[in-house]
C-alpha atoms as a PDB file:
ATOM      1  CA  MET A   1      38.320-203.494  -3.781  1.00  0.00           C
ATOM      2  CA  THR A   2      41.504-201.494  -3.522  1.00  0.00           C
ATOM      3  CA  ARG A   3      42.052-198.338  -5.489  1.00  0.00           C
ATOM      4  CA  PHE A   4      45.000-196.014  -5.775  1.00  0.00           C
ATOM      5  CA  CYS A   5      45.393-192.362  -4.859  1.00  0.00           C
ATOM      6  CA  PRO A   6      45.538-190.239  -8.018  1.00  0.00           C
ATOM      7  CA  TYR A   7      47.944-187.812  -6.319  1.00  0.00           C
ATOM      8  CA  CYS A   8      50.583-189.983  -4.632  1.00  0.00           C
ATOM      9  CA  GLY A   9      49.874-193.496  -5.964  1.00  0.00           C
ATOM     10  CA  VAL A  10      49.472-195.307  -2.634  1.00  0.00           C
ATOM     11  CA  ALA A  11      46.884-198.092  -2.322  1.00  0.00           C
ATOM     12  CA  VAL A  12      43.705-196.890  -0.618  1.00  0.00           C
ATOM     13  CA  PRO A  13      40.776-199.015   0.606  1.00  0.00           C
ATOM     14  CA  SER A  14      37.596-198.420  -1.350  1.00  0.00           C
ATOM     15  CA  ASP A  15      35.661-197.114   1.663  1.00  0.00           C
ATOM     16  CA  CYS A  16      38.093-194.201   2.329  1.00  0.00           C
ATOM     17  CA  GLU A  17      37.260-190.659   1.288  1.00  0.00           C
ATOM     18  CA  THR A  18      40.784-189.289   1.766  1.00  0.00           C
ATOM     19  CA  CYS A  19      44.222-190.709   1.083  1.00  0.00           C
ATOM     20  CA  PRO A  20      45.962-191.995   4.238  1.00  0.00           C
ATOM     21  CA  LYS A  21      49.349-190.747   2.970  1.00  0.00           C
ATOM     22  CA  CYS A  22      48.780-187.325   1.396  1.00  0.00           C
ATOM     23  CA  PHE A  23      45.367-186.637   3.045  1.00  0.00           C
ATOM     24  CA  LYS A  24      43.868-185.298  -0.179  1.00  0.00           C
ATOM     25  CA  LYS A  25      40.235-185.950  -0.948  1.00  0.00           C
ATOM     26  CA  LEU A  26      39.734-188.850  -3.323  1.00  0.00           C
ATOM     27  CA  PRO A  27      37.397-188.544  -6.300  1.00  0.00           C
ATOM     28  CA  SER A  28      34.020-190.204  -5.987  1.00  0.00           C
ATOM     29  CA  GLU A  29      33.149-193.518  -7.597  1.00  0.00           C
ATOM     30  CA  GLY A  30      31.016-191.831 -10.271  1.00  0.00           C
ATOM     31  CA  GLN A  31      34.016-190.362 -12.042  1.00  0.00           C
ATOM     32  CA  GLN A  32      35.738-191.951 -14.996  1.00  0.00           C
ATOM     33  CA  THR A  33      39.031-193.743 -14.356  1.00  0.00           C
ATOM     34  CA  ARG A  34      41.823-194.852 -16.592  1.00  0.00           C
ATOM     35  CA  GLN A  35      45.002-196.845 -16.018  1.00  0.00           C
ATOM     36  CA  GLU A  36      48.279-194.997 -16.161  1.00  0.00           C
ATOM     37  CA  ASP A  37      51.819-196.267 -15.709  1.00  0.00           C
ATOM     38  CA  PHE A  38      53.700-195.151 -12.664  1.00  0.00           C
ATOM     39  CA  GLN A  39      57.061-193.489 -13.182  1.00  0.00           C
ATOM     40  CA  ASP A  40      59.118-196.081 -11.295  1.00  0.00           C
ATOM     41  CA  GLY A  41      58.299-199.360 -13.040  1.00  0.00           C
ATOM     42  CA  ASN A  42      55.333-201.383 -14.197  1.00  0.00           C
ATOM     43  CA  VAL A  43      53.156-200.490 -11.239  1.00  0.00           C
ATOM     44  CA  THR A  44      49.906-199.093 -12.458  1.00  0.00           C
ATOM     45  CA  ARG A  45      47.543-196.839 -10.622  1.00  0.00           C
ATOM     46  CA  GLU A  46      44.139-195.468 -11.382  1.00  0.00           C
ATOM     47  CA  ARG A  47      43.997-191.805 -12.216  1.00  0.00           C
ATOM     48  CA  THR A  48      40.587-190.278 -12.065  1.00  0.00           C
ATOM     49  CA  GLU A  49      39.288-187.621 -14.364  1.00  0.00           C
ATOM     50  CA  PRO A  50      36.047-185.764 -13.807  1.00  0.00           C
ATOM     51  CA  LYS A  51      33.216-186.452 -16.201  1.00  0.00           C
ATOM     52  CA  LYS A  52      32.537-183.686 -18.612  1.00  0.00           C
ATOM     53  CA  GLU A  53      28.995-182.513 -18.196  1.00  0.00           C
ATOM     54  CA  ALA A  54      26.862-181.617 -21.160  1.00  0.00           C
ATOM     55  CA  PRO A  55      25.801-177.980 -21.202  1.00  0.00           C
ATOM     56  CA  ARG A  56      22.437-177.408 -19.625  1.00  0.00           C
ATOM     57  CA  LEU A  57      19.755-176.556 -22.134  1.00  0.00           C
ATOM     58  CA  GLY A  58      17.640-174.677 -19.623  1.00  0.00           C
ATOM     59  CA  ALA A  59      20.370-172.180 -18.719  1.00  0.00           C
ATOM     60  CA  ASP A  60      20.076-170.171 -21.943  1.00  0.00           C
ATOM     61  CA  LYS A  61      16.315-170.396 -21.905  1.00  0.00           C
ATOM     62  CA  SER A  62      15.990-169.000 -18.393  1.00  0.00           C
ATOM     63  CA  ARG A  63      18.497-166.249 -19.212  1.00  0.00           C
ATOM     64  CA  THR A  64      16.450-165.336 -22.283  1.00  0.00           C
ATOM     65  CA  VAL A  65      13.243-165.362 -20.268  1.00  0.00           C
ATOM     66  CA  MET A  66      14.856-163.157 -17.626  1.00  0.00           C
ATOM     67  CA  LEU A  67      16.031-160.742 -20.299  1.00  0.00           C
ATOM     68  CA  LEU A  68      12.533-160.554 -21.773  1.00  0.00           C
ATOM     69  CA  LEU A  69      10.984-160.120 -18.331  1.00  0.00           C
ATOM     70  CA  SER A  70      13.326-157.253 -17.563  1.00  0.00           C
ATOM     71  CA  VAL A  71      13.033-155.391 -20.887  1.00  0.00           C
ATOM     72  CA  VAL A  72       9.471-155.757 -22.219  1.00  0.00           C
ATOM     73  CA  PRO A  73       7.511-154.779 -19.068  1.00  0.00           C
ATOM     74  CA  ALA A  74       9.835-151.792 -18.582  1.00  0.00           C
ATOM     75  CA  PHE A  75       8.015-150.049 -21.444  1.00  0.00           C
ATOM     76  CA  PHE A  76       4.899-150.110 -19.246  1.00  0.00           C
ATOM     77  CA  GLY A  77       6.535-149.050 -15.984  1.00  0.00           C
ATOM     78  CA  ILE A  78       6.898-152.515 -14.501  1.00  0.00           C
ATOM     79  CA  LEU A  79      10.418-153.336 -13.363  1.00  0.00           C
ATOM     80  CA  GLY A  80      11.642-156.265 -11.308  1.00  0.00           C
ATOM     81  CA  LEU A  81       9.738-159.130 -12.931  1.00  0.00           C
ATOM     82  CA  ALA A  82      12.971-160.902 -13.861  1.00  0.00           C
ATOM     83  CA  GLN A  83      14.166-160.715 -10.275  1.00  0.00           C
ATOM     84  CA  LEU A  84      10.838-162.075  -9.060  1.00  0.00           C
ATOM     85  CA  PHE A  85      11.073-164.847 -11.676  1.00  0.00           C
ATOM     86  CA  ARG A  86      14.546-165.737 -10.394  1.00  0.00           C
ATOM     87  CA  ASP A  87      13.502-165.748  -6.710  1.00  0.00           C
ATOM     88  CA  PHE A  88      10.184-164.354  -5.541  1.00  0.00           C
ATOM     89  CA  ARG A  89      11.450-164.173  -1.952  1.00  0.00           C
ATOM     90  CA  ASP A  90      14.283-161.794  -2.867  1.00  0.00           C
ATOM     91  CA  ARG A  91      13.340-158.228  -2.039  1.00  0.00           C
ATOM     92  CA  SER A  92      15.296-156.704  -4.924  1.00  0.00           C
ATOM     93  CA  GLY A  93      12.461-157.545  -7.327  1.00  0.00           C
ATOM     94  CA  TYR A  94       9.950-155.749  -5.130  1.00  0.00           C
ATOM     95  CA  VAL A  95      12.279-152.752  -4.771  1.00  0.00           C
ATOM     96  CA  PHE A  96      12.630-152.497  -8.551  1.00  0.00           C
ATOM     97  CA  LEU A  97       8.852-152.808  -8.915  1.00  0.00           C
ATOM     98  CA  VAL A  98       8.148-149.970  -6.474  1.00  0.00           C
ATOM     99  CA  VAL A  99      10.899-147.719  -7.875  1.00  0.00           C
ATOM    100  CA  GLY A 100       9.649-148.304 -11.398  1.00  0.00           C
ATOM    101  CA  LEU A 101       6.073-147.408 -10.545  1.00  0.00           C
ATOM    102  CA  VAL A 102       7.076-144.396  -8.438  1.00  0.00           C
ATOM    103  CA  PHE A 103       9.008-142.841 -11.313  1.00  0.00           C
ATOM    104  CA  PHE A 104       6.974-144.071 -14.293  1.00  0.00           C
ATOM    105  CA  ILE A 105       3.465-143.029 -13.230  1.00  0.00           C
ATOM    106  CA  PRO A 106       4.319-139.375 -12.453  1.00  0.00           C
ATOM    107  CA  SER A 107       6.273-139.051 -15.690  1.00  0.00           C
ATOM    108  CA  VAL A 108       3.228-140.258 -17.658  1.00  0.00           C
ATOM    109  CA  ILE A 109       0.944-137.893 -15.748  1.00  0.00           C
ATOM    110  CA  ILE A 110       3.299-134.968 -16.336  1.00  0.00           C
ATOM    111  CA  ILE A 111       3.748-135.557 -20.068  1.00  0.00           C
ATOM    112  CA  THR A 112       0.010-135.959 -20.794  1.00  0.00           C
ATOM    113  CA  GLY A 113      -0.811-132.377 -19.806  1.00  0.00           C
ATOM    114  CA  VAL A 114       2.349-130.455 -20.654  1.00  0.00           C
ATOM    115  CA  TRP A 115       0.870-127.299 -22.146  1.00  0.00           C
ATOM    116  CA  ASP A 116      -2.441-127.127 -20.254  1.00  0.00           C
ATOM    117  CA  ASN A 117      -1.485-124.255 -17.899  1.00  0.00           C
ATOM    118  CA  GLY A 118       0.802-122.096 -20.030  1.00  0.00           C
ATOM    119  CA  ALA A 119       4.370-122.060 -21.311  1.00  0.00           C
ATOM    120  CA  PHE A 120       6.174-121.587 -17.966  1.00  0.00           C
ATOM    121  CA  VAL A 121       4.380-124.518 -16.361  1.00  0.00           C
ATOM    122  CA  GLY A 122       4.922-126.494 -19.567  1.00  0.00           C
ATOM    123  CA  ILE A 123       8.685-125.927 -19.428  1.00  0.00           C
ATOM    124  CA  PHE A 124       8.726-126.886 -15.745  1.00  0.00           C
ATOM    125  CA  ARG A 125       6.777-130.033 -16.580  1.00  0.00           C
ATOM    126  CA  ILE A 126       9.169-130.948 -19.396  1.00  0.00           C
ATOM    127  CA  LEU A 127      12.172-130.560 -17.084  1.00  0.00           C
ATOM    128  CA  SER A 128      10.424-132.640 -14.426  1.00  0.00           C
ATOM    129  CA  TYR A 129       9.557-135.237 -17.033  1.00  0.00           C
ATOM    130  CA  LEU A 130      13.164-135.422 -18.227  1.00  0.00           C
ATOM    131  CA  LEU A 131      14.447-135.843 -14.674  1.00  0.00           C
ATOM    132  CA  LEU A 132      11.929-138.576 -13.883  1.00  0.00           C
ATOM    133  CA  THR A 133      12.649-140.299 -17.192  1.00  0.00           C
ATOM    134  CA  VAL A 134      16.409-140.339 -16.588  1.00  0.00           C
ATOM    135  CA  ILE A 135      15.879-141.812 -13.123  1.00  0.00           C
ATOM    136  CA  TYR A 136      13.419-144.378 -14.490  1.00  0.00           C
ATOM    137  CA  LEU A 137      15.731-145.389 -17.350  1.00  0.00           C
ATOM    138  CA  SER A 138      18.592-145.767 -14.866  1.00  0.00           C
ATOM    139  CA  ALA A 139      16.437-148.041 -12.717  1.00  0.00           C
ATOM    140  CA  ALA A 140      15.395-150.017 -15.812  1.00  0.00           C
ATOM    141  CA  LEU A 141      19.030-150.446 -16.857  1.00  0.00           C
ATOM    142  CA  ALA A 142      19.947-151.543 -13.329  1.00  0.00           C
ATOM    143  CA  SER A 143      17.088-154.059 -13.458  1.00  0.00           C
ATOM    144  CA  VAL A 144      18.339-155.528 -16.743  1.00  0.00           C
ATOM    145  CA  LEU A 145      21.935-155.722 -15.490  1.00  0.00           C
ATOM    146  CA  ASP A 146      20.763-157.301 -12.246  1.00  0.00           C
ATOM    147  CA  ALA A 147      18.780-159.905 -14.163  1.00  0.00           C
ATOM    148  CA  LEU A 148      21.684-160.799 -16.440  1.00  0.00           C
ATOM    149  CA  TYR A 149      24.752-160.478 -14.224  1.00  0.00           C
ATOM    150  CA  GLY A 150      23.605-160.745 -10.625  1.00  0.00           C
ATOM    151  CA  SER A 151      22.706-158.389  -7.856  1.00  0.00           C
ATOM    152  CA  VAL A 152      23.587-154.734  -8.115  1.00  0.00           C
ATOM    153  CA  PHE A 153      22.379-154.328  -4.550  1.00  0.00           C
ATOM    154  CA  LYS A 154      25.464-156.092  -3.192  1.00  0.00           C
ATOM    155  CA  VAL A 155      27.570-153.206  -4.466  1.00  0.00           C
ATOM    156  CA  PHE A 156      25.435-150.684  -2.582  1.00  0.00           C
ATOM    157  CA  LYS A 157      25.010-152.962   0.484  1.00  0.00           C
ATOM    158  CA  PHE A 158      21.240-152.791   0.134  1.00  0.00           C
END
């Protein structure tokens, strides 16, 4: 069966992957075709158009799951679950998990006994708690952004 190149209109054998005249790659057989008149007469050629794919239903679901896995466990000091859900072999999930635990656990320990040893130690503990909380919230935000938009580690070459 002979078909025609959608770019230059020359006849091409059906077993060719590229056009012998313009050397452009020909569309595969699984794409829709329609007849179209050629500019210089009644010669017709097949012009191929790619099939329109239906939107994937699982794409939104996995994005929602990743969002939930990055936000809800963050309230308990567990970061990186969305990255591990996406690819458990990627080390970014483990890095987020360790960073989250390193900054969450001391902040909880510090805030539970703020005023036990006097006002000066209490103020020092509050400042330490605020610093650890800002770092933890930054890591949690980076985890959410990484889960939704891709790796933040590529920016830092990590």
